[in-house]
């Protein structure tokens, strides 16, 4: 129990440090809000080009795509962990994580907390803006359950981010997650229904956690029918997390051990 409390305290301290660093860049939050507003505005007018009744709740494509973009923001934050590790190595601050009581593996996981939490918070702001300015039809009763789904989905996405972080520590090269994000955005049903995807590649939609996460969020926030039973999709999302987390931690541990043998753990 003491070990859990110690790690929780370390994660909280890491979040506090990362938040302080983030807030030190005074215009970052404002620019991100502006970028978010531009994105929402663009898709609002794109939705005017989509024939009513084709996709979305009551045929509203705007509501359909906004939920997908919100989920994508959380996914992107989780997968960008490799870039955070790279910056820590370049700044020479990763050494403090290595010699901390929780070690490099626990430290890498702790580094992911603030970006993911911030992305979830920013996604909430995005939904509020979409609802107040563009009439996004949010179902308030589904918000608490949507937060639970977001937390579980973020855990699943974090597992994938840990794998990229392991690549940075093992090979000292930042492997860009852009191609993974692009694949998930296309094959996860962000911009268009999965039924439009060719059958030979549609299997990818069923073997990653992004698809059930987006579908559950749309069901809870918009009231749209789920593609599969809600219980089945939630179990699938939990299953991805339970199966991927041990694998991700094992790969990260192996990467740390390899770097230690080479004497390059704090180098880049």
Protein backbone atom coordinates (compact mmCIF):
# COMPACT_ATOMS: atom_id res chain seq x y z
CA UNK A 1 0.00 0.00 0.00
CA UNK A 2 2.87 2.35 0.81
CA UNK A 3 4.37 1.70 -2.63
CA UNK A 4 1.09 2.65 -4.29
CA UNK A 5 0.88 5.85 -2.25
CA UNK A 6 4.48 6.66 -3.11
CA UNK A 7 3.87 6.21 -6.80
CA UNK A 8 0.64 8.22 -6.65
CA UNK A 9 2.57 11.02 -4.96
CA UNK A 10 5.24 10.86 -7.64
CA UNK A 11 2.65 11.05 -10.41
CA UNK A 12 1.02 14.04 -8.70
CA UNK A 13 4.39 15.76 -8.37
CA UNK A 14 5.17 15.08 -12.03
CA UNK A 15 1.80 16.48 -13.10
CA UNK A 16 2.43 19.58 -10.96
CA UNK A 17 5.85 20.09 -12.55
CA UNK A 18 4.58 19.59 -16.11
CA UNK A 19 1.64 21.91 -15.46
CA UNK A 20 4.01 24.60 -14.19
CA UNK A 21 6.19 24.23 -17.29
CA UNK A 22 3.13 24.36 -19.54
CA UNK A 23 1.78 27.50 -17.87
CA UNK A 24 5.17 29.19 -18.18
CA UNK A 25 4.46 29.47 -21.91
CA UNK A 26 1.78 32.12 -21.48
CA UNK A 27 0.33 32.05 -24.97
CA UNK A 28 0.23 28.27 -25.46
CA UNK A 29 -3.24 27.74 -24.01
CA UNK A 30 -4.67 30.67 -25.96
CA UNK A 31 -3.20 29.45 -29.25
CA UNK A 32 -4.53 25.95 -28.64
CA UNK A 33 -8.01 27.31 -27.94
CA UNK A 34 -7.84 29.35 -31.16
CA UNK A 35 -6.66 26.30 -33.13
CA UNK A 36 -9.51 24.28 -31.64
CA UNK A 37 -12.02 26.98 -32.55
CA UNK A 38 -10.73 27.12 -36.13
CA UNK A 39 -10.99 23.34 -36.44
CA UNK A 40 -14.56 23.30 -35.12
CA UNK A 41 -15.54 26.18 -37.40
CA UNK A 42 -14.05 24.46 -40.44
CA UNK A 43 -15.94 21.23 -39.84
CA UNK A 44 -19.12 23.15 -39.06
CA UNK A 45 -19.12 24.55 -42.58
CA UNK A 46 -17.91 21.29 -44.10
CA UNK A 47 -20.96 19.67 -42.52
CA UNK A 48 -23.13 22.04 -44.54
CA UNK A 49 -21.87 20.27 -47.67
CA UNK A 50 -22.90 16.83 -46.41
CA UNK A 51 -26.37 15.79 -47.49
CA UNK A 52 -28.76 15.74 -44.48
CA UNK A 53 -29.61 12.28 -43.23
CA UNK A 54 -26.40 10.64 -44.45
CA UNK A 55 -24.50 10.37 -41.17
CA UNK A 56 -24.70 11.56 -37.58
CA UNK A 57 -27.52 11.97 -35.07
CA UNK A 58 -30.58 13.22 -36.95
CA UNK A 59 -28.36 13.47 -39.99
CA UNK A 60 -26.04 16.05 -38.38
CA UNK A 61 -22.54 15.32 -39.61
CA UNK A 62 -21.06 18.12 -37.48
CA UNK A 63 -21.96 16.39 -34.22
CA UNK A 64 -20.66 13.09 -35.59
CA UNK A 65 -17.23 14.43 -36.50
CA UNK A 66 -16.72 16.62 -33.40
CA UNK A 67 -16.84 13.60 -31.09
CA UNK A 68 -14.30 11.85 -33.29
CA UNK A 69 -11.96 14.85 -33.17
CA UNK A 70 -12.29 14.99 -29.37
CA UNK A 71 -11.27 11.34 -29.07
CA UNK A 72 -8.40 11.88 -31.51
CA UNK A 73 -7.00 14.66 -29.28
CA UNK A 74 -6.69 12.23 -26.36
CA UNK A 75 -5.11 9.60 -28.59
CA UNK A 76 -2.58 12.11 -29.92
CA UNK A 77 -1.60 13.20 -26.40
CA UNK A 78 -0.98 9.60 -25.36
CA UNK A 79 1.07 8.74 -28.45
CA UNK A 80 3.27 11.83 -28.18
CA UNK A 81 5.00 10.41 -25.10
CA UNK A 82 8.02 9.57 -27.22
CA UNK A 83 8.52 13.27 -27.92
CA UNK A 84 8.34 14.02 -24.19
CA UNK A 85 11.04 11.45 -23.46
CA UNK A 86 13.17 12.89 -26.24
CA UNK A 87 12.88 16.40 -24.77
CA UNK A 88 13.77 15.11 -21.29
CA UNK A 89 16.87 13.41 -22.72
CA UNK A 90 17.92 16.47 -24.68
CA UNK A 91 17.39 18.76 -21.68
CA UNK A 92 19.35 16.43 -19.40
CA UNK A 93 16.45 16.08 -16.97
CA UNK A 94 15.77 12.40 -17.63
CA UNK A 95 18.60 11.54 -15.23
CA UNK A 96 16.45 12.75 -12.32
CA UNK A 97 13.72 10.35 -13.38
CA UNK A 98 16.20 7.46 -13.61
CA UNK A 99 17.51 7.95 -10.05
CA UNK A 100 14.07 8.63 -8.55
CA UNK A 101 12.52 5.97 -6.26
CA UNK A 102 10.10 4.81 -8.96
CA UNK A 103 12.83 4.41 -11.58
CA UNK A 104 12.76 5.05 -15.32
CA UNK A 105 9.82 2.74 -16.11
CA UNK A 106 7.53 4.30 -13.53
CA UNK A 107 8.87 7.73 -14.44
CA UNK A 108 7.97 7.33 -18.12
CA UNK A 109 4.42 6.34 -17.21
CA UNK A 110 4.18 9.31 -14.82
CA UNK A 111 5.28 11.67 -17.61
CA UNK A 112 2.20 10.69 -19.60
CA UNK A 113 -0.27 11.79 -16.92
CA UNK A 114 -0.36 15.54 -17.52
CA UNK A 115 -0.62 15.47 -21.35
CA UNK A 116 -3.47 12.96 -21.24
CA UNK A 117 -5.34 14.76 -18.45
CA UNK A 118 -4.87 18.07 -20.24
CA UNK A 119 -6.13 16.57 -23.51
CA UNK A 120 -9.27 15.29 -21.78
CA UNK A 121 -9.83 18.73 -20.24
CA UNK A 122 -9.27 20.47 -23.58
CA UNK A 123 -11.68 18.02 -25.21
CA UNK A 124 -14.30 19.05 -22.65
CA UNK A 125 -13.73 22.72 -23.50
CA UNK A 126 -14.07 21.83 -27.17
CA UNK A 127 -17.46 20.22 -26.56
CA UNK A 128 -18.64 23.22 -24.54
CA UNK A 129 -17.61 25.60 -27.33
CA UNK A 130 -19.28 23.40 -29.94
CA UNK A 131 -22.48 23.27 -27.89
CA UNK A 132 -22.64 26.98 -27.04
CA UNK A 133 -21.55 28.43 -30.39
CA UNK A 134 -22.58 25.85 -32.98
CA UNK A 135 -25.49 24.08 -31.30
CA UNK A 136 -23.75 20.75 -30.68
CA UNK A 137 -26.54 18.47 -29.34
CA UNK A 138 -24.80 17.10 -26.27
CA UNK A 139 -26.67 14.72 -23.93
CA UNK A 140 -25.75 15.91 -20.44
CA UNK A 141 -26.96 12.68 -18.86
CA UNK A 142 -24.27 10.78 -20.71
CA UNK A 143 -21.37 13.00 -19.62
CA UNK A 144 -20.42 11.06 -16.42
CA UNK A 145 -20.32 7.76 -18.30
CA UNK A 146 -18.39 9.45 -21.13
CA UNK A 147 -15.73 10.53 -18.62
CA UNK A 148 -15.35 6.92 -17.51
CA UNK A 149 -15.02 5.78 -21.13
CA UNK A 150 -12.47 8.54 -21.75
CA UNK A 151 -10.37 7.38 -18.79
CA UNK A 152 -10.41 3.75 -19.94
CA UNK A 153 -9.67 4.76 -23.53
CA UNK A 154 -6.80 7.00 -22.38
CA UNK A 155 -5.32 4.02 -20.51
CA UNK A 156 -5.49 1.91 -23.67
CA UNK A 157 -3.95 4.69 -25.78
CA UNK A 158 -1.23 5.14 -23.15
CA UNK A 159 -0.13 1.54 -23.67
CA UNK A 160 0.60 2.32 -27.32
CA UNK A 161 2.40 5.50 -26.30
CA UNK A 162 4.64 3.52 -23.95
CA UNK A 163 5.75 1.36 -26.87
CA UNK A 164 6.89 4.46 -28.76
CA UNK A 165 8.69 5.70 -25.64
CA UNK A 166 10.48 2.36 -25.41
CA UNK A 167 11.66 2.84 -28.98
CA UNK A 168 13.20 6.20 -28.08
CA UNK A 169 15.10 4.73 -25.12
CA UNK A 170 16.29 1.65 -27.01
CA UNK A 171 17.23 3.18 -30.36
CA UNK A 172 17.80 6.85 -29.43
CA UNK A 173 15.60 7.95 -32.30
CA UNK A 174 12.17 9.52 -32.05
CA UNK A 175 9.76 7.34 -34.00
CA UNK A 176 6.95 9.60 -35.13
CA UNK A 177 3.46 8.36 -34.21
CA UNK A 178 1.96 10.41 -37.05
CA UNK A 179 1.32 7.37 -39.22
CA UNK A 180 -0.45 5.56 -36.36
CA UNK A 181 -2.62 8.61 -35.64
CA UNK A 182 -3.44 8.92 -39.34
CA UNK A 183 -4.37 5.23 -39.57
CA UNK A 184 -6.61 5.43 -36.49
CA UNK A 185 -8.29 8.59 -37.76
CA UNK A 186 -9.16 6.95 -41.07
CA UNK A 187 -9.92 3.42 -39.90
CA UNK A 188 -11.37 4.33 -36.51
CA UNK A 189 -14.44 6.10 -37.83
CA UNK A 190 -13.61 9.72 -37.02
CA UNK A 191 -14.67 11.38 -40.27
CA UNK A 192 -16.94 8.81 -41.89
CA UNK A 193 -18.79 5.57 -41.02
CA UNK A 194 -16.81 2.34 -41.02
CA UNK A 195 -19.19 0.81 -43.55
CA UNK A 196 -17.50 2.93 -46.23
CA UNK A 197 -14.10 1.32 -45.60
CA UNK A 198 -13.13 -1.48 -48.02
CA UNK A 199 -13.64 -4.93 -46.55
CA UNK A 200 -10.02 -6.02 -47.01
CA UNK A 201 -8.81 -3.42 -44.48
CA UNK A 202 -11.87 -3.11 -42.26
CA UNK A 203 -10.48 -5.76 -39.89
CA UNK A 204 -8.10 -3.10 -38.53
CA UNK A 205 -11.06 -1.29 -37.04
CA UNK A 206 -11.74 -4.28 -34.79
CA UNK A 207 -8.20 -4.87 -33.52
CA UNK A 208 -7.45 -1.48 -31.92
CA UNK A 209 -9.08 0.41 -29.03
CA UNK A 210 -9.90 3.62 -30.87
CA UNK A 211 -12.97 2.35 -32.71
CA UNK A 212 -14.98 1.22 -29.64
CA UNK A 213 -13.91 4.37 -27.76
CA UNK A 214 -15.28 6.69 -30.46
CA UNK A 215 -18.45 4.67 -30.88
CA UNK A 216 -19.15 4.65 -27.12
CA UNK A 217 -18.54 8.38 -26.84
CA UNK A 218 -20.95 9.07 -29.69
CA UNK A 219 -23.53 6.82 -28.08
CA UNK A 220 -23.22 8.53 -24.69
CA UNK A 221 -22.85 12.14 -25.81
CA UNK A 222 -25.16 12.14 -28.83
CA UNK A 223 -27.54 9.28 -28.15
CA UNK A 224 -26.71 7.49 -31.40
CA UNK A 225 -27.15 3.71 -31.54
CA UNK A 226 -23.92 1.84 -30.81
CA UNK A 227 -22.48 -0.25 -33.65
CA UNK A 228 -22.21 -3.18 -31.22
CA UNK A 229 -23.84 -3.74 -27.80
CA UNK A 230 -22.54 -1.18 -25.31
CA UNK A 231 -21.42 -3.87 -22.86
CA UNK A 232 -19.46 -5.64 -25.58
CA UNK A 233 -17.69 -2.46 -26.67
CA UNK A 234 -16.81 -1.55 -23.08
CA UNK A 235 -15.44 -5.03 -22.47
CA UNK A 236 -13.43 -4.74 -25.67
CA UNK A 237 -11.98 -1.42 -24.53
CA UNK A 238 -11.12 -2.84 -21.11
CA UNK A 239 -9.67 -5.92 -22.75
CA UNK A 240 -7.31 -3.85 -24.87
CA UNK A 241 -6.08 -2.07 -21.75
CA UNK A 242 -5.63 -5.24 -19.70
CA UNK A 243 -3.80 -7.04 -22.50
CA UNK A 244 -1.67 -4.17 -23.76
CA UNK A 245 -0.46 -2.70 -20.45
CA UNK A 246 1.68 -5.69 -19.33
CA UNK A 247 3.13 -5.98 -22.84
CA UNK A 248 3.91 -2.25 -22.99
CA UNK A 249 5.55 -2.23 -19.55
CA UNK A 250 7.56 -5.34 -20.42
CA UNK A 251 8.83 -3.78 -23.66
CA UNK A 252 9.69 -0.55 -21.83
CA UNK A 253 11.55 -2.50 -19.14
CA UNK A 254 13.49 -4.34 -21.83
CA UNK A 255 14.36 -1.05 -23.53
CA UNK A 256 15.63 0.40 -20.24
CA UNK A 257 17.71 -2.73 -19.55
CA UNK A 258 19.20 -2.62 -23.05
CA UNK A 259 20.13 1.06 -22.69
CA UNK A 260 21.70 0.40 -19.29
CA UNK A 261 23.88 -2.37 -20.71
CA UNK A 262 25.02 -0.01 -23.45
CA UNK A 263 25.53 2.84 -20.99
CA UNK A 264 23.26 5.10 -23.04
CA UNK A 265 20.17 5.35 -20.84
CA UNK A 266 20.43 9.12 -20.31
CA UNK A 267 21.92 9.88 -23.72
CA UNK A 268 20.25 10.83 -26.97
